[in-house]
Amino acid sequence: MNKRSMALYVLILLAILLFVPLKPTDAAIVFTDDFSSGNFERWSKSLMVPEASQTVRDSIARFIVPTPVAGSNSCSYLIKDGFTSTINSSIAASQDILVTKVPNGALQGNGAIFFLYVCDSTDLTGNAGNIGIGIDGSNVWSMWIGGDQIYNYVFQTEGPLPVSNTWYRIILTIDNQAQTAVLEVNGAVVINASQQQFTNRTHPISLMSGMGENWWSAGSGLQEIDVTAVQLYISDAIVVPQPSSTLVPVSTFTPSVPSLSPTQTPTVTPSVTAMPSFSLPPLHPLSTPLPGGDEFFGLVVVCVIILIALMIVLVIAVFRRKR
């Protein structure tokens, strides 16, 4: 074999290896924000009632809202659009949260704050389907399941009660195949309920994080929560590059729909089903996502190419010595 033939074979081999297709990116974590940028540029929209505020300091987003009037709602929220939920999706929305004043003194279902939602993007009031996480006025973790103008509270049945001025890691896992919604707080399940909000069809969904307050009894004055390490996981999504800032300027929110008070008796004991078989990768502490299988696979290909090239160089060197 002459040198020209050897060089040609080397070029062909390298070309084949360089164009080996990497496996497609199927998804996992589709959105993260630890607010290290010092702003809300990764979010799509911002909504606030008068006298509410949204600020970022030291990688912590702070949301403050005034006391609602006459049983209405008060909010300061960030919204991230652009996701899809299918009947096969497993969704996990999570964040670290500190509530400065845990609500208490109300009968169960009569007052609540909420701070994490997965909601159908076509109707952010929840009529098209939403699941929210918060703390009830009776001082327990609570879940809000809504759709078709019927809203239902599901209350904590396991784990310790929330405490004021304490950081918690909360994870809401929505398993559409199992038709469950599970709330974990600091790694322990506190609510395990059934849900059919996102199991009927494909839904465009939004992630909402911030402060929503509904008081029907005891409670007055400003309410504040701190949030960081927000994350959204969708099992069958396709990861797309994060766009540049798409934040819609802060707009004053004027409720034009009836208050989201439950239209049926609160469910004190939720319909408990088996835990989802779907398991998440560790979501805490939040950090820049580590290289996944796709990046590792690409690194392996590059290493193989380098090794083959070195072997070819050695073979050529041996031929030269023999001649």
Protein backbone atom coordinates (compact mmCIF):
# COMPACT_ATOMS: atom_id res chain seq x y z
CA MET A 1 0.00 0.00 0.00
CA ASN A 2 1.53 3.33 -1.06
CA LYS A 3 1.48 6.53 0.94
CA ARG A 4 -1.23 8.15 -1.20
CA SER A 5 -3.61 5.24 -0.69
CA MET A 6 -2.87 5.24 3.03
CA ALA A 7 -3.59 8.98 3.28
CA LEU A 8 -6.84 8.57 1.32
CA TYR A 9 -8.06 5.80 3.63
CA VAL A 10 -7.21 7.90 6.67
CA LEU A 11 -9.22 10.86 5.32
CA ILE A 12 -12.21 8.66 4.51
CA LEU A 13 -12.18 7.08 7.97
CA LEU A 14 -11.94 10.42 9.72
CA ALA A 15 -14.76 11.85 7.60
CA ILE A 16 -17.02 8.92 8.51
CA LEU A 17 -16.25 9.23 12.21
CA LEU A 18 -16.69 13.00 12.27
CA PHE A 19 -20.15 12.72 10.76
CA VAL A 20 -21.42 9.95 13.02
CA PRO A 21 -24.74 11.42 14.19
CA LEU A 22 -25.01 12.02 17.89
CA LYS A 23 -28.18 10.73 19.47
CA PRO A 24 -30.92 13.39 19.57
CA THR A 25 -31.47 15.47 22.69
CA ASP A 26 -34.60 14.21 24.36
CA ALA A 27 -35.29 16.01 27.31
CA ALA A 28 -35.23 16.51 30.89
CA ILE A 29 -34.61 19.85 32.52
CA VAL A 30 -36.16 22.42 30.18
CA PHE A 31 -35.87 25.51 32.38
CA THR A 32 -33.80 26.68 35.33
CA ASP A 33 -33.32 30.01 37.04
CA ASP A 34 -31.33 30.64 40.20
CA PHE A 35 -31.65 34.40 39.65
CA SER A 36 -27.87 34.78 39.58
CA SER A 37 -28.35 37.22 36.69
CA GLY A 38 -29.90 39.65 39.16
CA ASN A 39 -33.05 40.06 37.08
CA PHE A 40 -36.01 38.22 35.56
CA GLU A 41 -34.76 38.06 31.97
CA ARG A 42 -35.34 34.30 31.66
CA TRP A 43 -39.09 34.69 32.24
CA SER A 44 -41.78 35.55 29.70
CA LYS A 45 -44.21 37.74 31.65
CA SER A 46 -44.66 39.46 34.97
CA LEU A 47 -47.95 40.23 36.71
CA MET A 48 -48.52 42.34 39.82
CA VAL A 49 -51.40 43.91 41.68
CA PRO A 50 -50.99 47.53 42.81
CA GLU A 51 -48.57 47.92 45.75
CA ALA A 52 -46.96 44.53 45.06
CA SER A 53 -43.29 44.18 44.18
CA GLN A 54 -40.73 41.86 42.57
CA THR A 55 -37.03 42.26 43.28
CA VAL A 56 -33.83 40.20 43.06
CA ARG A 57 -30.93 40.38 45.48
CA ASP A 58 -28.09 37.91 46.07
CA SER A 59 -29.67 35.37 43.69
CA ILE A 60 -32.98 35.43 45.57
CA ALA A 61 -36.25 36.68 44.09
CA ARG A 62 -38.48 38.43 46.60
CA PHE A 63 -42.22 38.80 46.06
CA ILE A 64 -44.38 41.02 48.24
CA VAL A 65 -48.15 41.46 48.00
CA PRO A 66 -50.67 43.50 50.01
CA THR A 67 -53.62 41.98 51.86
CA PRO A 68 -56.44 41.13 49.43
CA VAL A 69 -59.66 43.06 49.84
CA ALA A 70 -63.00 41.37 50.51
CA GLY A 71 -61.93 37.84 49.65
CA SER A 72 -60.34 38.75 46.35
CA ASN A 73 -56.86 37.62 45.40
CA SER A 74 -53.55 39.44 45.47
CA CYS A 75 -50.54 38.41 43.42
CA SER A 76 -47.01 39.11 42.21
CA TYR A 77 -46.07 36.44 39.69
CA LEU A 78 -43.57 35.47 37.04
CA ILE A 79 -44.70 33.36 34.10
CA LYS A 80 -42.60 31.22 31.76
CA ASP A 81 -44.37 30.09 28.59
CA GLY A 82 -43.40 27.77 25.79
CA PHE A 83 -43.76 24.22 27.14
CA THR A 84 -45.96 21.27 26.22
CA SER A 85 -47.52 18.53 28.31
CA THR A 86 -48.72 15.32 26.66
CA ILE A 87 -50.75 12.43 28.05
CA ASN A 88 -47.41 10.64 28.53
CA SER A 89 -45.57 13.47 30.28
CA SER A 90 -44.03 13.37 33.70
CA ILE A 91 -43.54 16.95 34.87
CA ALA A 92 -41.57 18.18 37.86
CA ALA A 93 -41.68 21.83 38.92
CA SER A 94 -39.45 22.73 41.85
CA GLN A 95 -37.98 25.65 43.75
CA ASP A 96 -36.48 26.69 47.06
CA ILE A 97 -38.83 28.89 49.04
CA LEU A 98 -38.97 30.83 52.29
CA VAL A 99 -42.32 32.13 53.55
CA THR A 100 -41.86 34.94 56.03
CA LYS A 101 -45.31 34.47 57.58
CA VAL A 102 -47.01 31.08 57.31
CA PRO A 103 -50.79 31.64 57.29
CA ASN A 104 -52.72 30.30 60.26
CA GLY A 105 -55.89 30.89 62.22
CA ALA A 106 -58.26 30.02 59.40
CA LEU A 107 -60.50 27.01 58.94
CA GLN A 108 -59.13 24.57 56.43
CA GLY A 109 -59.85 25.81 52.91
CA ASN A 110 -60.70 29.36 54.01
CA GLY A 111 -57.42 31.10 53.32
CA ALA A 112 -54.20 30.29 51.50
CA ILE A 113 -51.06 31.48 49.80
CA PHE A 114 -49.73 29.90 46.61
CA PHE A 115 -46.31 30.11 45.05
CA LEU A 116 -45.83 27.49 42.30
CA TYR A 117 -48.13 26.59 39.42
CA VAL A 118 -48.15 24.45 36.32
CA CYS A 119 -50.95 25.89 34.22
CA ASP A 120 -52.48 25.53 30.77
CA SER A 121 -51.17 28.58 28.88
CA THR A 122 -54.51 29.25 27.19
CA ASP A 123 -56.17 30.17 30.48
CA LEU A 124 -53.95 31.22 33.36
CA THR A 125 -56.95 31.45 35.68
CA GLY A 126 -56.90 27.67 35.72
CA ASN A 127 -60.13 26.77 33.94
CA ALA A 128 -58.24 24.86 31.24
CA GLY A 129 -56.21 22.98 33.81
CA ASN A 130 -53.75 23.88 36.54
CA ILE A 131 -52.06 22.45 39.59
CA GLY A 132 -50.70 24.80 42.22
CA ILE A 133 -48.73 24.43 45.43
CA GLY A 134 -49.03 26.55 48.55
CA ILE A 135 -49.81 26.72 52.25
CA ASP A 136 -53.37 26.71 53.53
CA GLY A 137 -54.70 29.16 56.09
CA SER A 138 -54.88 26.28 58.56
CA ASN A 139 -51.08 26.03 58.47
CA VAL A 140 -50.68 22.92 56.27
CA TRP A 141 -49.16 22.33 52.85
CA SER A 142 -51.84 22.41 50.19
CA MET A 143 -52.36 21.62 46.54
CA TRP A 144 -54.78 23.39 44.24
CA ILE A 145 -56.14 21.25 41.38
CA GLY A 146 -58.34 23.09 38.90
CA GLY A 147 -60.02 22.73 35.53
CA ASP A 148 -63.38 23.14 33.81
CA GLN A 149 -64.30 25.82 36.38
CA ILE A 150 -64.09 23.31 39.22
CA TYR A 151 -61.35 23.86 41.79
CA ASN A 152 -60.35 21.57 44.56
CA TYR A 153 -58.03 21.86 47.54
CA VAL A 154 -56.02 18.84 48.62
CA PHE A 155 -54.43 19.12 52.04
CA GLN A 156 -51.32 17.73 53.67
CA THR A 157 -51.62 14.20 55.05
CA GLU A 158 -47.96 13.40 55.81
CA GLY A 159 -44.79 15.10 57.00
CA PRO A 160 -44.04 18.14 59.18
CA LEU A 161 -46.03 21.36 58.99
CA PRO A 162 -44.50 24.44 57.33
CA VAL A 163 -42.78 26.99 59.55
CA SER A 164 -42.27 30.73 59.01
CA ASN A 165 -38.85 32.04 57.95
CA THR A 166 -37.59 28.58 56.99
CA TRP A 167 -36.16 27.51 53.66
CA TYR A 168 -37.82 24.53 51.97
CA ARG A 169 -37.13 22.62 48.77
CA ILE A 170 -40.47 21.83 47.16
CA ILE A 171 -41.02 19.52 44.18
CA LEU A 172 -44.38 19.09 42.45
CA THR A 173 -44.38 15.92 40.30
CA ILE A 174 -47.25 15.53 37.85
CA ASP A 175 -47.39 12.06 36.30
CA ASN A 176 -49.96 12.01 33.53
CA GLN A 177 -49.77 8.28 32.88
CA ALA A 178 -50.29 7.44 36.54
CA GLN A 179 -52.74 10.37 36.88
CA THR A 180 -51.06 11.55 40.08
CA ALA A 181 -49.81 14.80 41.54
CA VAL A 182 -47.25 14.50 44.34
CA LEU A 183 -45.77 17.23 46.53
CA GLU A 184 -42.40 16.60 48.15
CA VAL A 185 -40.96 18.97 50.76
CA ASN A 186 -37.28 18.55 51.59
CA GLY A 187 -37.36 15.09 50.04
CA ALA A 188 -40.43 13.80 51.92
CA VAL A 189 -43.87 13.30 50.37
CA VAL A 190 -46.52 15.44 52.09
CA ILE A 191 -49.35 15.18 49.53
CA ASN A 192 -50.11 12.37 47.09
CA ALA A 193 -53.28 12.97 45.08
CA SER A 194 -55.00 11.91 41.90
CA GLN A 195 -55.28 14.32 38.97
CA GLN A 196 -56.86 14.29 35.53
CA GLN A 197 -56.07 17.87 34.55
CA PHE A 198 -53.39 17.11 31.96
CA THR A 199 -54.23 13.51 31.08
CA ASN A 200 -56.89 14.10 28.42
CA ARG A 201 -54.84 15.73 25.66
CA THR A 202 -51.74 17.72 24.77
CA HIS A 203 -51.65 21.03 26.66
CA PRO A 204 -49.51 24.12 26.11
CA ILE A 205 -48.30 24.82 29.63
CA SER A 206 -46.72 27.65 31.57
CA LEU A 207 -44.68 27.65 34.76
CA MET A 208 -45.72 30.28 37.29
CA SER A 209 -43.69 31.23 40.34
CA GLY A 210 -44.19 34.02 42.82
CA MET A 211 -46.74 35.09 45.36
CA GLY A 212 -50.48 34.58 45.21
CA GLU A 213 -52.59 35.21 48.31
CA ASN A 214 -56.22 34.56 49.10
CA TRP A 215 -57.42 35.44 52.60
CA TRP A 216 -60.91 34.65 53.80
CA SER A 217 -60.26 35.04 57.50
CA ALA A 218 -57.35 35.84 59.81
CA GLY A 219 -54.42 37.66 58.28
CA SER A 220 -53.45 41.20 57.44
CA GLY A 221 -50.49 43.24 56.29
CA LEU A 222 -47.96 42.59 53.55
CA GLN A 223 -47.06 38.99 52.78
CA GLU A 224 -43.59 38.09 51.50
CA ILE A 225 -41.87 35.03 50.06
CA ASP A 226 -38.31 34.46 48.83
CA VAL A 227 -37.64 32.10 45.94
CA THR A 228 -34.60 30.67 44.19
CA ALA A 229 -33.48 27.55 42.30
CA VAL A 230 -36.58 27.33 40.11
CA GLN A 231 -36.54 24.31 37.82
CA LEU A 232 -38.88 22.60 35.35
CA TYR A 233 -38.50 19.03 34.10
CA ILE A 234 -40.63 17.46 31.33
CA SER A 235 -39.85 13.85 30.49
CA ASP A 236 -40.87 13.88 26.83
CA ALA A 237 -40.00 17.46 25.92
CA ILE A 238 -37.34 18.55 23.49
CA VAL A 239 -34.69 20.81 24.99
CA VAL A 240 -34.34 24.03 23.01
CA PRO A 241 -31.81 26.83 23.53
CA GLN A 242 -32.94 29.50 25.95
CA PRO A 243 -33.92 32.64 24.04
CA SER A 244 -32.53 36.02 24.87
CA SER A 245 -34.59 38.16 27.20
CA THR A 246 -38.28 37.86 26.36
CA LEU A 247 -39.63 39.37 29.56
CA VAL A 248 -42.74 41.40 28.98
CA PRO A 249 -42.54 44.62 30.99
CA VAL A 250 -44.17 44.41 34.40
CA SER A 251 -47.87 45.02 34.08
CA THR A 252 -50.45 45.86 36.69
CA PHE A 253 -52.80 42.95 37.20
CA THR A 254 -56.47 43.79 37.46
CA PRO A 255 -58.57 40.68 38.15
CA SER A 256 -61.24 40.40 35.49
CA VAL A 257 -62.39 36.93 36.47
CA PRO A 258 -64.08 35.66 39.62
CA SER A 259 -61.84 34.87 42.56
CA LEU A 260 -60.37 31.39 42.40
CA SER A 261 -62.27 30.20 45.44
CA PRO A 262 -63.18 26.51 45.46
CA THR A 263 -66.53 25.63 43.92
CA GLN A 264 -66.78 22.37 45.79
CA THR A 265 -66.07 21.16 49.30
CA PRO A 266 -62.33 21.00 50.03
CA THR A 267 -60.92 17.48 49.97
CA VAL A 268 -59.53 16.97 53.46
CA THR A 269 -58.40 13.42 52.69
CA PRO A 270 -57.07 13.24 49.13
CA SER A 271 -57.59 10.29 46.84
CA VAL A 272 -54.29 8.54 47.41
CA THR A 273 -52.84 6.44 44.64
CA ALA A 274 -49.60 4.57 44.19
CA MET A 275 -46.48 6.66 43.99
CA PRO A 276 -45.43 7.35 40.40
CA SER A 277 -42.97 4.83 39.04
CA PHE A 278 -41.19 7.73 37.36
CA SER A 279 -38.11 8.86 39.26
CA LEU A 280 -36.36 12.21 38.88
CA PRO A 281 -32.67 12.98 38.81
CA PRO A 282 -31.48 14.88 41.89
CA LEU A 283 -32.91 18.39 41.65
CA HIS A 284 -31.20 19.95 44.67
CA PRO A 285 -29.03 21.83 45.09
CA LEU A 286 -29.55 23.57 41.77
CA SER A 287 -26.46 24.05 39.70
CA THR A 288 -25.64 24.37 36.04
CA PRO A 289 -26.87 21.07 34.56
CA LEU A 290 -24.03 18.61 34.34
CA PRO A 291 -23.10 17.22 30.93
CA GLY A 292 -25.74 14.65 30.06
CA GLY A 293 -25.61 11.53 27.98
CA ASP A 294 -25.49 13.49 24.73
CA GLU A 295 -22.38 15.46 25.67
CA PHE A 296 -20.71 12.34 27.08
CA PHE A 297 -21.44 10.44 23.89
CA GLY A 298 -19.90 13.23 21.81
CA LEU A 299 -16.80 13.25 24.02
CA VAL A 300 -16.41 9.50 23.55
CA VAL A 301 -16.62 9.90 19.77
CA VAL A 302 -13.92 12.58 19.80
CA CYS A 303 -11.64 10.39 21.94
CA VAL A 304 -12.15 7.43 19.60
CA ILE A 305 -11.25 9.60 16.60
CA ILE A 306 -8.07 10.77 18.29
CA LEU A 307 -7.06 7.22 19.21
CA ILE A 308 -7.68 5.92 15.69
CA ALA A 309 -5.71 8.79 14.21
CA LEU A 310 -2.79 8.02 16.52
CA MET A 311 -2.91 4.35 15.57
CA ILE A 312 -2.83 5.22 11.86
CA VAL A 313 0.14 7.51 12.40
CA LEU A 314 1.96 4.69 14.17
CA VAL A 315 1.17 2.26 11.33
CA ILE A 316 2.49 4.72 8.76
CA ALA A 317 5.65 5.20 10.83
CA VAL A 318 6.21 1.43 10.94
CA PHE A 319 5.85 1.14 7.17
CA ARG A 320 8.35 3.93 6.68
CA ARG A 321 10.92 2.18 8.88
CA LYS A 322 10.51 -1.10 7.00
CA ARG A 323 11.18 0.66 3.72
